[in-house]
PDB file of N, CA and C in Angstrom:
ATOM      1  N   MET A   1     -22.872 -11.154  10.233  1.00  0.00           N
ATOM      2  CA  MET A   1     -22.132 -11.335   9.274  1.00  0.00           C
ATOM      3  C   MET A   1     -20.952 -10.531   9.517  1.00  0.00           C
ATOM      4  N   ALA A   2     -19.476 -11.321   9.197  1.00  0.00           N
ATOM      5  CA  ALA A   2     -18.291 -10.633   9.282  1.00  0.00           C
ATOM      6  C   ALA A   2     -18.178  -9.641   7.727  1.00  0.00           C
ATOM      7  N   LYS A   3     -17.178  -8.789   8.143  1.00  0.00           N
ATOM      8  CA  LYS A   3     -17.027  -8.309   7.396  1.00  0.00           C
ATOM      9  C   LYS A   3     -15.875  -8.149   7.085  1.00  0.00           C
ATOM     10  N   ILE A   4     -15.016  -8.227   5.545  1.00  0.00           N
ATOM     11  CA  ILE A   4     -13.894  -8.159   4.799  1.00  0.00           C
ATOM     12  C   ILE A   4     -13.134  -7.114   4.747  1.00  0.00           C
ATOM     13  N   LYS A   5     -12.298  -6.660   5.723  1.00  0.00           N
ATOM     14  CA  LYS A   5     -11.167  -5.467   4.471  1.00  0.00           C
ATOM     15  C   LYS A   5     -10.071  -6.063   5.200  1.00  0.00           C
ATOM     16  N   GLY A   6      -8.956  -5.227   4.461  1.00  0.00           N
ATOM     17  CA  GLY A   6      -7.826  -5.110   3.529  1.00  0.00           C
ATOM     18  C   GLY A   6      -7.173  -4.959   4.318  1.00  0.00           C
ATOM     19  N   ALA A   7      -5.767  -4.667   4.157  1.00  0.00           N
ATOM     20  CA  ALA A   7      -4.785  -4.459   4.916  1.00  0.00           C
ATOM     21  C   ALA A   7      -3.590  -4.689   3.722  1.00  0.00           C
ATOM     22  N   VAL A   8      -2.652  -3.324   3.857  1.00  0.00           N
ATOM     23  CA  VAL A   8      -1.664  -3.118   3.074  1.00  0.00           C
ATOM     24  C   VAL A   8      -0.465  -3.391   4.262  1.00  0.00           C
ATOM     25  N   THR A   9       0.998  -3.998   3.589  1.00  0.00           N
ATOM     26  CA  THR A   9       2.475  -3.485   4.184  1.00  0.00           C
ATOM     27  C   THR A   9       3.147  -3.806   3.119  1.00  0.00           C
ATOM     28  N   VAL A  10       3.691  -2.561   3.652  1.00  0.00           N
ATOM     29  CA  VAL A  10       4.899  -1.995   2.350  1.00  0.00           C
ATOM     30  C   VAL A  10       6.171  -2.122   3.342  1.00  0.00           C
ATOM     31  N   ASN A  11       7.013  -3.087   2.496  1.00  0.00           N
ATOM     32  CA  ASN A  11       8.424  -3.008   2.733  1.00  0.00           C
ATOM     33  C   ASN A  11       9.284  -1.388   2.525  1.00  0.00           C
ATOM     34  N   VAL A  12       9.440  -0.796   3.596  1.00  0.00           N
ATOM     35  CA  VAL A  12       9.452   1.021   3.133  1.00  0.00           C
ATOM     36  C   VAL A  12      10.974   0.829   3.036  1.00  0.00           C
ATOM     37  N   GLU A  13      11.762   0.089   2.981  1.00  0.00           N
ATOM     38  CA  GLU A  13      13.610   0.181   2.952  1.00  0.00           C
ATOM     39  C   GLU A  13      14.020   0.301   1.532  1.00  0.00           C
ATOM     40  N   ARG A  14      12.928  -1.235   0.561  1.00  0.00           N
ATOM     41  CA  ARG A  14      13.154  -1.770  -0.707  1.00  0.00           C
ATOM     42  C   ARG A  14      12.227  -0.675  -1.621  1.00  0.00           C
ATOM     43  N   CYS A  15      10.956   0.411  -1.182  1.00  0.00           N
ATOM     44  CA  CYS A  15      10.515   1.131  -1.848  1.00  0.00           C
ATOM     45  C   CYS A  15      10.953   1.990  -2.808  1.00  0.00           C
ATOM     46  N   LYS A  16      11.130   2.344  -4.146  1.00  0.00           N
ATOM     47  CA  LYS A  16      11.824   3.479  -4.723  1.00  0.00           C
ATOM     48  C   LYS A  16      10.675   4.726  -4.995  1.00  0.00           C
ATOM     49  N   GLY A  17       8.981   4.234  -4.648  1.00  0.00           N
ATOM     50  CA  GLY A  17       8.832   5.025  -4.675  1.00  0.00           C
ATOM     51  C   GLY A  17       8.301   5.890  -6.130  1.00  0.00           C
ATOM     52  N   CYS A  18       7.816   4.475  -7.194  1.00  0.00           N
ATOM     53  CA  CYS A  18       7.791   4.681  -8.313  1.00  0.00           C
ATOM     54  C   CYS A  18       5.990   5.499  -8.404  1.00  0.00           C
ATOM     55  N   ASN A  19       5.168   5.463  -6.975  1.00  0.00           N
ATOM     56  CA  ASN A  19       3.615   5.666  -7.605  1.00  0.00           C
ATOM     57  C   ASN A  19       3.044   4.549  -7.855  1.00  0.00           C
ATOM     58  N   LEU A  20       3.287   3.989  -8.332  1.00  0.00           N
ATOM     59  CA  LEU A  20       2.614   2.619  -9.060  1.00  0.00           C
ATOM     60  C   LEU A  20       1.672   2.649  -8.753  1.00  0.00           C
ATOM     61  N   CYS A  21       1.269   1.302  -7.583  1.00  0.00           N
ATOM     62  CA  CYS A  21       0.697   1.494  -6.423  1.00  0.00           C
ATOM     63  C   CYS A  21      -0.234   2.343  -6.161  1.00  0.00           C
ATOM     64  N   ALA A  22       0.117   3.515  -5.654  1.00  0.00           N
ATOM     65  CA  ALA A  22      -1.288   4.974  -5.498  1.00  0.00           C
ATOM     66  C   ALA A  22      -1.427   4.711  -6.644  1.00  0.00           C
ATOM     67  N   VAL A  23      -1.526   4.816  -8.149  1.00  0.00           N
ATOM     68  CA  VAL A  23      -2.378   4.888  -9.098  1.00  0.00           C
ATOM     69  C   VAL A  23      -3.135   3.531  -9.266  1.00  0.00           C
ATOM     70  N   ALA A  24      -2.529   2.834  -8.673  1.00  0.00           N
ATOM     71  CA  ALA A  24      -3.796   0.437  -9.244  1.00  0.00           C
ATOM     72  C   ALA A  24      -4.487   1.359  -8.093  1.00  0.00           C
ATOM     73  N   CYS A  25      -4.961   1.333  -7.051  1.00  0.00           N
ATOM     74  CA  CYS A  25      -5.905   1.280  -5.858  1.00  0.00           C
ATOM     75  C   CYS A  25      -6.658   1.926  -6.387  1.00  0.00           C
ATOM     76  N   PRO A  26      -7.641   1.073  -6.323  1.00  0.00           N
ATOM     77  CA  PRO A  26      -9.575   1.943  -6.600  1.00  0.00           C
ATOM     78  C   PRO A  26      -9.738   2.509  -5.978  1.00  0.00           C
ATOM     79  N   GLN A  27      -8.888   2.973  -4.434  1.00  0.00           N
ATOM     80  CA  GLN A  27      -9.767   2.962  -3.118  1.00  0.00           C
ATOM     81  C   GLN A  27      -9.389   4.601  -2.840  1.00  0.00           C
ATOM     82  N   ASP A  28      -8.241   4.523  -3.420  1.00  0.00           N
ATOM     83  CA  ASP A  28      -6.806   5.164  -3.036  1.00  0.00           C
ATOM     84  C   ASP A  28      -6.610   5.638  -1.858  1.00  0.00           C
ATOM     85  N   VAL A  29      -6.048   4.460  -1.553  1.00  0.00           N
ATOM     86  CA  VAL A  29      -5.704   4.095  -0.253  1.00  0.00           C
ATOM     87  C   VAL A  29      -4.229   4.010  -0.009  1.00  0.00           C
ATOM     88  N   LEU A  30      -3.483   3.734  -0.876  1.00  0.00           N
ATOM     89  CA  LEU A  30      -2.224   4.681  -0.765  1.00  0.00           C
ATOM     90  C   LEU A  30      -1.407   6.043  -1.374  1.00  0.00           C
ATOM     91  N   ALA A  31      -0.570   6.612  -0.490  1.00  0.00           N
ATOM     92  CA  ALA A  31       0.597   7.597  -1.556  1.00  0.00           C
ATOM     93  C   ALA A  31       1.671   7.558  -0.887  1.00  0.00           C
ATOM     94  N   LEU A  32       2.128   8.799  -1.443  1.00  0.00           N
ATOM     95  CA  LEU A  32       3.651   8.746  -1.169  1.00  0.00           C
ATOM     96  C   LEU A  32       3.669   9.613   0.141  1.00  0.00           C
ATOM     97  N   GLN A  33       4.575   9.049   1.044  1.00  0.00           N
ATOM     98  CA  GLN A  33       5.264  10.061   1.931  1.00  0.00           C
ATOM     99  C   GLN A  33       5.738  11.209   1.846  1.00  0.00           C
ATOM    100  N   GLN A  34       5.596  12.419   1.949  1.00  0.00           N
ATOM    101  CA  GLN A  34       5.588  13.663   1.204  1.00  0.00           C
ATOM    102  C   GLN A  34       7.073  14.077   2.498  1.00  0.00           C
ATOM    103  N   LYS A  35       6.914  14.215   3.472  1.00  0.00           N
ATOM    104  CA  LYS A  35       7.792  14.135   4.403  1.00  0.00           C
ATOM    105  C   LYS A  35       9.496  13.453   5.149  1.00  0.00           C
ATOM    106  N   GLU A  36       8.769  11.940   4.675  1.00  0.00           N
ATOM    107  CA  GLU A  36      10.312  11.398   5.192  1.00  0.00           C
ATOM    108  C   GLU A  36      10.306  10.324   4.138  1.00  0.00           C
ATOM    109  N   VAL A  37      11.907  10.481   4.217  1.00  0.00           N
ATOM    110  CA  VAL A  37      12.268   9.364   3.274  1.00  0.00           C
ATOM    111  C   VAL A  37      12.843   7.950   3.717  1.00  0.00           C
ATOM    112  N   ASN A  38      12.972   7.165   2.109  1.00  0.00           N
ATOM    113  CA  ASN A  38      14.206   5.656   3.524  1.00  0.00           C
ATOM    114  C   ASN A  38      15.033   5.623   3.147  1.00  0.00           C
ATOM    115  N   ASN A  39      16.076   4.907   3.794  1.00  0.00           N
ATOM    116  CA  ASN A  39      17.906   4.997   3.578  1.00  0.00           C
ATOM    117  C   ASN A  39      17.987   4.824   2.100  1.00  0.00           C
ATOM    118  N   ARG A  40      17.447   5.037   1.129  1.00  0.00           N
ATOM    119  CA  ARG A  40      18.025   4.731  -0.059  1.00  0.00           C
ATOM    120  C   ARG A  40      17.886   6.223  -0.219  1.00  0.00           C
ATOM    121  N   GLY A  41      16.718   7.267   0.488  1.00  0.00           N
ATOM    122  CA  GLY A  41      16.722   8.517  -0.549  1.00  0.00           C
ATOM    123  C   GLY A  41      15.334   9.015  -1.364  1.00  0.00           C
ATOM    124  N   TYR A  42      14.378   7.712  -0.914  1.00  0.00           N
ATOM    125  CA  TYR A  42      13.419   7.865  -1.928  1.00  0.00           C
ATOM    126  C   TYR A  42      12.031   8.077  -0.941  1.00  0.00           C
ATOM    127  N   HIS A  43      11.121   9.022  -1.724  1.00  0.00           N
ATOM    128  CA  HIS A  43      10.007   8.496  -0.446  1.00  0.00           C
ATOM    129  C   HIS A  43       9.034   7.662  -0.801  1.00  0.00           C
ATOM    130  N   PHE A  44       8.301   7.376  -0.065  1.00  0.00           N
ATOM    131  CA  PHE A  44       7.851   5.575   0.064  1.00  0.00           C
ATOM    132  C   PHE A  44       6.663   5.747   0.333  1.00  0.00           C
ATOM    133  N   ALA A  45       5.754   4.313   0.006  1.00  0.00           N
ATOM    134  CA  ALA A  45       4.081   4.601  -0.101  1.00  0.00           C
ATOM    135  C   ALA A  45       4.047   4.183   1.429  1.00  0.00           C
ATOM    136  N   TYR A  46       2.821   4.459   1.729  1.00  0.00           N
ATOM    137  CA  TYR A  46       1.877   4.086   2.808  1.00  0.00           C
ATOM    138  C   TYR A  46       0.880   4.287   2.400  1.00  0.00           C
ATOM    139  N   MET A  47       0.124   3.703   3.852  1.00  0.00           N
ATOM    140  CA  MET A  47      -2.127   3.227   3.639  1.00  0.00           C
ATOM    141  C   MET A  47      -1.855   4.770   4.440  1.00  0.00           C
ATOM    142  N   ALA A  48      -2.560   5.958   3.410  1.00  0.00           N
ATOM    143  CA  ALA A  48      -3.304   7.362   3.966  1.00  0.00           C
ATOM    144  C   ALA A  48      -4.242   7.098   4.250  1.00  0.00           C
ATOM    145  N   GLN A  49      -5.142   6.496   3.647  1.00  0.00           N
ATOM    146  CA  GLN A  49      -6.577   6.030   4.454  1.00  0.00           C
ATOM    147  C   GLN A  49      -6.802   4.297   4.675  1.00  0.00           C
ATOM    148  N   PRO A  50      -6.315   3.736   5.555  1.00  0.00           N
ATOM    149  CA  PRO A  50      -6.697   2.208   5.853  1.00  0.00           C
ATOM    150  C   PRO A  50      -7.807   1.871   6.094  1.00  0.00           C
ATOM    151  N   GLU A  51      -8.752   3.109   6.584  1.00  0.00           N
ATOM    152  CA  GLU A  51     -10.136   2.315   6.579  1.00  0.00           C
ATOM    153  C   GLU A  51     -11.243   1.937   5.317  1.00  0.00           C
ATOM    154  N   LYS A  52     -10.247   2.394   4.261  1.00  0.00           N
ATOM    155  CA  LYS A  52     -10.627   1.840   2.164  1.00  0.00           C
ATOM    156  C   LYS A  52     -10.185   0.856   1.540  1.00  0.00           C
ATOM    157  N   CYS A  53      -9.260   0.550   2.417  1.00  0.00           N
ATOM    158  CA  CYS A  53      -8.730  -1.166   1.866  1.00  0.00           C
ATOM    159  C   CYS A  53      -9.775  -2.008   1.698  1.00  0.00           C
ATOM    160  N   ILE A  54     -10.006  -2.760   0.569  1.00  0.00           N
ATOM    161  CA  ILE A  54     -10.950  -3.467   0.000  1.00  0.00           C
ATOM    162  C   ILE A  54      -9.468  -5.124   0.279  1.00  0.00           C
ATOM    163  N   GLY A  55      -8.470  -4.985   0.411  1.00  0.00           N
ATOM    164  CA  GLY A  55      -7.180  -6.045  -0.125  1.00  0.00           C
ATOM    165  C   GLY A  55      -8.221  -6.757  -1.316  1.00  0.00           C
ATOM    166  N   CYS A  56      -8.312  -5.775  -2.170  1.00  0.00           N
ATOM    167  CA  CYS A  56      -8.553  -5.791  -3.901  1.00  0.00           C
ATOM    168  C   CYS A  56      -6.587  -6.682  -4.300  1.00  0.00           C
ATOM    169  N   GLN A  57      -5.821  -6.090  -3.451  1.00  0.00           N
ATOM    170  CA  GLN A  57      -4.260  -6.137  -4.120  1.00  0.00           C
ATOM    171  C   GLN A  57      -3.366  -6.012  -5.693  1.00  0.00           C
ATOM    172  N   SER A  58      -4.635  -5.231  -6.290  1.00  0.00           N
ATOM    173  CA  SER A  58      -4.141  -4.324  -7.430  1.00  0.00           C
ATOM    174  C   SER A  58      -2.321  -3.214  -6.822  1.00  0.00           C
ATOM    175  N   CYS A  59      -2.264  -2.936  -5.606  1.00  0.00           N
ATOM    176  CA  CYS A  59      -1.353  -2.110  -5.336  1.00  0.00           C
ATOM    177  C   CYS A  59      -0.218  -3.454  -5.212  1.00  0.00           C
ATOM    178  N   ALA A  60       0.074  -4.408  -5.648  1.00  0.00           N
ATOM    179  CA  ALA A  60       0.645  -5.962  -5.062  1.00  0.00           C
ATOM    180  C   ALA A  60       1.247  -5.704  -6.492  1.00  0.00           C
ATOM    181  N   LEU A  61       0.454  -6.279  -7.284  1.00  0.00           N
ATOM    182  CA  LEU A  61       0.334  -6.705  -8.815  1.00  0.00           C
ATOM    183  C   LEU A  61       1.126  -5.678  -9.694  1.00  0.00           C
ATOM    184  N   VAL A  62       1.143  -4.672  -9.427  1.00  0.00           N
ATOM    185  CA  VAL A  62       1.609  -3.176 -10.318  1.00  0.00           C
ATOM    186  C   VAL A  62       2.713  -3.448  -9.971  1.00  0.00           C
ATOM    187  N   CYS A  63       3.371  -3.890  -7.826  1.00  0.00           N
ATOM    188  CA  CYS A  63       4.893  -3.056  -7.408  1.00  0.00           C
ATOM    189  C   CYS A  63       5.907  -3.967  -8.558  1.00  0.00           C
ATOM    190  N   PRO A  64       6.935  -3.135  -9.136  1.00  0.00           N
ATOM    191  CA  PRO A  64       7.745  -3.303  -9.675  1.00  0.00           C
ATOM    192  C   PRO A  64       9.017  -3.744  -8.554  1.00  0.00           C
ATOM    193  N   ASP A  65       9.055  -4.057  -7.418  1.00  0.00           N
ATOM    194  CA  ASP A  65      10.040  -4.170  -6.333  1.00  0.00           C
ATOM    195  C   ASP A  65       9.729  -5.587  -5.621  1.00  0.00           C
ATOM    196  N   ALA A  66       8.049  -5.561  -5.683  1.00  0.00           N
ATOM    197  CA  ALA A  66       7.346  -6.240  -4.719  1.00  0.00           C
ATOM    198  C   ALA A  66       7.712  -6.711  -3.231  1.00  0.00           C
ATOM    199  N   CYS A  67       7.590  -4.695  -3.192  1.00  0.00           N
ATOM    200  CA  CYS A  67       7.404  -4.276  -1.801  1.00  0.00           C
ATOM    201  C   CYS A  67       6.248  -4.281  -1.154  1.00  0.00           C
ATOM    202  N   ILE A  68       5.341  -4.781  -1.566  1.00  0.00           N
ATOM    203  CA  ILE A  68       4.057  -4.660  -1.168  1.00  0.00           C
ATOM    204  C   ILE A  68       3.211  -6.915  -0.277  1.00  0.00           C
ATOM    205  N   GLU A  69       2.934  -6.492   0.374  1.00  0.00           N
ATOM    206  CA  GLU A  69       1.598  -7.290   0.923  1.00  0.00           C
ATOM    207  C   GLU A  69       0.580  -7.022   1.298  1.00  0.00           C
ATOM    208  N   VAL A  70      -0.559  -7.176   1.055  1.00  0.00           N
ATOM    209  CA  VAL A  70      -1.967  -7.524   1.229  1.00  0.00           C
ATOM    210  C   VAL A  70      -2.291  -8.837   1.671  1.00  0.00           C
ATOM    211  N   TYR A  71      -2.868  -8.128   3.019  1.00  0.00           N
ATOM    212  CA  TYR A  71      -3.905  -8.849   3.977  1.00  0.00           C
ATOM    213  C   TYR A  71      -4.953  -8.910   3.998  1.00  0.00           C
ATOM    214  N   ARG A  72      -5.867  -9.825   4.144  1.00  0.00           N
ATOM    215  CA  ARG A  72      -7.106 -10.046   4.533  1.00  0.00           C
ATOM    216  C   ARG A  72      -7.743  -9.823   5.403  1.00  0.00           C
ATOM    217  N   VAL A  73      -8.355  -8.542   6.467  1.00  0.00           N
ATOM    218  CA  VAL A  73      -8.513  -9.300   7.963  1.00  0.00           C
ATOM    219  C   VAL A  73      -9.725  -9.583   7.775  1.00  0.00           C
ATOM    220  N   VAL A  74     -10.857 -10.261   8.390  1.00  0.00           N
ATOM    221  CA  VAL A  74     -11.674 -10.446   8.972  1.00  0.00           C
ATOM    222  C   VAL A  74     -12.163  -9.374  10.536  1.00  0.00           C
ATOM    223  N   GLU A  75     -13.322  -8.756  10.334  1.00  0.00           N
ATOM    224  CA  GLU A  75     -14.291  -7.959  11.317  1.00  0.00           C
ATOM    225  C   GLU A  75     -15.192  -8.983  11.382  1.00  0.00           C
ATOM    226  N   LYS A  76     -15.666  -8.888  12.838  1.00  0.00           N
ATOM    227  CA  LYS A  76     -16.819  -9.341  13.337  1.00  0.00           C
ATOM    228  C   LYS A  76     -17.802  -8.358  13.814  1.00  0.00           C
TER     229      LYS A  76
END
């Protein structure tokens, strides 16, 4: 039986680091990058624990800048 996992892509340059996506994630997949900033000077969101993503899209729904896309990947 195929297993479905989630994958999140963040448009790093549009992200303003509001942290709403990390708070909304039920699996604690997302976090803010602490050591790097984007070209606008913001710490941006990234997948800190990609193996936990279930593809629920909660992060994308709460993102005010629509810079998150969620995909569902089928693993065999």
